[in-house]
Amino acid sequence: MSDNDYSFDINELSRGTLEQLYLALVLSMAVNFADTYAMPIIIDDGFVNFDQQRRQNAYQLLTKVAERTQVIYLTANQPEDNVELAQLKI
């Protein structure tokens, strides 16, 4: 939904936006079920289509989610290629 109450069809969203929507849905479900079902969240290079700011925000969100449930983030990037990820405490 945009500021002027225009709703978008899912096919109109960019790949990056779809991935952000998917991440929000998965993390919200995982956090809500964390107390009942203890299972890790596994993400395999899940932020490749995010720009730097959105990727940083996603990493900060994962840090908060990791307080409730285990988060495993897999990436082909070297830590020096991704300073934000290397500094995470997940």
Protein backbone atom coordinates (compact mmCIF):
# COMPACT_ATOMS: atom_id res chain seq x y z
CA MET A 1 0.00 0.00 0.00
CA SER A 2 1.45 3.34 -0.98
CA ASP A 3 1.01 6.70 0.73
CA ASN A 4 -1.98 7.48 -1.48
CA ASP A 5 -3.75 4.18 -0.63
CA TYR A 6 -2.76 2.51 -3.90
CA SER A 7 -2.20 -1.19 -3.39
CA PHE A 8 0.33 -3.09 -5.45
CA ASP A 9 -0.13 -6.49 -7.02
CA ILE A 10 2.63 -8.88 -5.93
CA ASN A 11 3.79 -9.11 -9.56
CA GLU A 12 4.53 -5.37 -9.56
CA LEU A 13 7.14 -5.64 -6.79
CA SER A 14 10.85 -5.87 -7.53
CA ARG A 15 12.81 -8.97 -6.62
CA GLY A 16 14.52 -7.14 -3.77
CA THR A 17 11.19 -5.93 -2.38
CA LEU A 18 9.73 -9.44 -2.63
CA GLU A 19 12.73 -10.82 -0.74
CA GLN A 20 12.30 -8.18 1.97
CA LEU A 21 8.62 -9.06 2.27
CA TYR A 22 9.49 -12.76 2.49
CA LEU A 23 12.12 -12.05 5.16
CA ALA A 24 9.60 -10.06 7.21
CA LEU A 25 7.06 -12.89 7.02
CA VAL A 26 9.55 -15.63 7.91
CA LEU A 27 11.09 -13.72 10.80
CA SER A 28 7.72 -12.70 12.24
CA MET A 29 6.54 -16.32 12.17
CA ALA A 30 9.81 -17.57 13.66
CA VAL A 31 9.71 -15.08 16.52
CA ASN A 32 6.05 -15.83 17.25
CA PHE A 33 6.67 -19.59 17.30
CA ALA A 34 10.05 -19.43 19.08
CA ASP A 35 8.62 -20.07 22.54
CA THR A 36 6.58 -23.07 21.38
CA TYR A 37 8.80 -24.61 18.70
CA ALA A 38 12.55 -24.29 19.14
CA MET A 39 14.01 -24.33 15.65
CA PRO A 40 16.76 -22.33 13.98
CA ILE A 41 16.35 -19.86 11.16
CA ILE A 42 18.71 -20.72 8.31
CA ILE A 43 19.40 -18.06 5.68
CA ASP A 44 21.61 -18.82 2.68
CA ASP A 45 22.89 -15.59 1.11
CA GLY A 46 19.47 -14.14 1.63
CA PHE A 47 20.36 -10.48 1.14
CA VAL A 48 22.13 -10.47 -2.23
CA ASN A 49 19.43 -8.29 -3.79
CA PHE A 50 19.38 -5.77 -0.91
CA ASP A 51 21.17 -2.45 -1.16
CA GLN A 52 23.75 -1.65 1.53
CA GLN A 53 21.35 0.19 3.86
CA ARG A 54 18.65 -2.50 3.67
CA ARG A 55 21.27 -5.22 4.16
CA GLN A 56 22.58 -3.42 7.26
CA ASN A 57 19.02 -3.11 8.59
CA ALA A 58 18.44 -6.81 7.94
CA TYR A 59 21.61 -7.70 9.86
CA GLN A 60 20.49 -5.59 12.81
CA LEU A 61 17.11 -7.31 12.69
CA LEU A 62 18.80 -10.73 12.69
CA THR A 63 20.77 -9.71 15.77
CA LYS A 64 17.49 -8.96 17.58
CA VAL A 65 15.86 -12.17 16.34
CA ALA A 66 18.91 -14.14 17.53
CA GLU A 67 17.99 -13.15 21.09
CA ARG A 68 14.86 -15.34 20.75
CA THR A 69 15.98 -18.17 18.46
CA GLN A 70 19.11 -19.46 16.76
CA VAL A 71 20.02 -17.76 13.47
CA ILE A 72 22.38 -19.40 10.98
CA TYR A 73 23.45 -17.16 8.11
CA LEU A 74 25.40 -18.74 5.27
CA THR A 75 27.28 -16.67 2.71
CA ALA A 76 29.96 -17.10 0.08
CA ASN A 77 31.35 -13.65 0.95
CA GLN A 78 34.54 -13.34 2.91
CA PRO A 79 34.27 -11.33 6.16
CA GLU A 80 36.47 -8.59 4.70
CA ASP A 81 33.99 -8.28 1.81
CA ASN A 82 31.16 -7.68 4.24
CA VAL A 83 32.21 -5.74 7.32
CA GLU A 84 28.66 -5.45 8.68
CA LEU A 85 28.23 -9.21 8.69
CA ALA A 86 31.63 -9.83 10.26
CA GLN A 87 30.68 -7.60 13.20
CA LEU A 88 27.42 -9.40 13.98
CA LYS A 89 27.02 -11.27 17.21
CA ILE A 90 24.79 -14.05 15.94
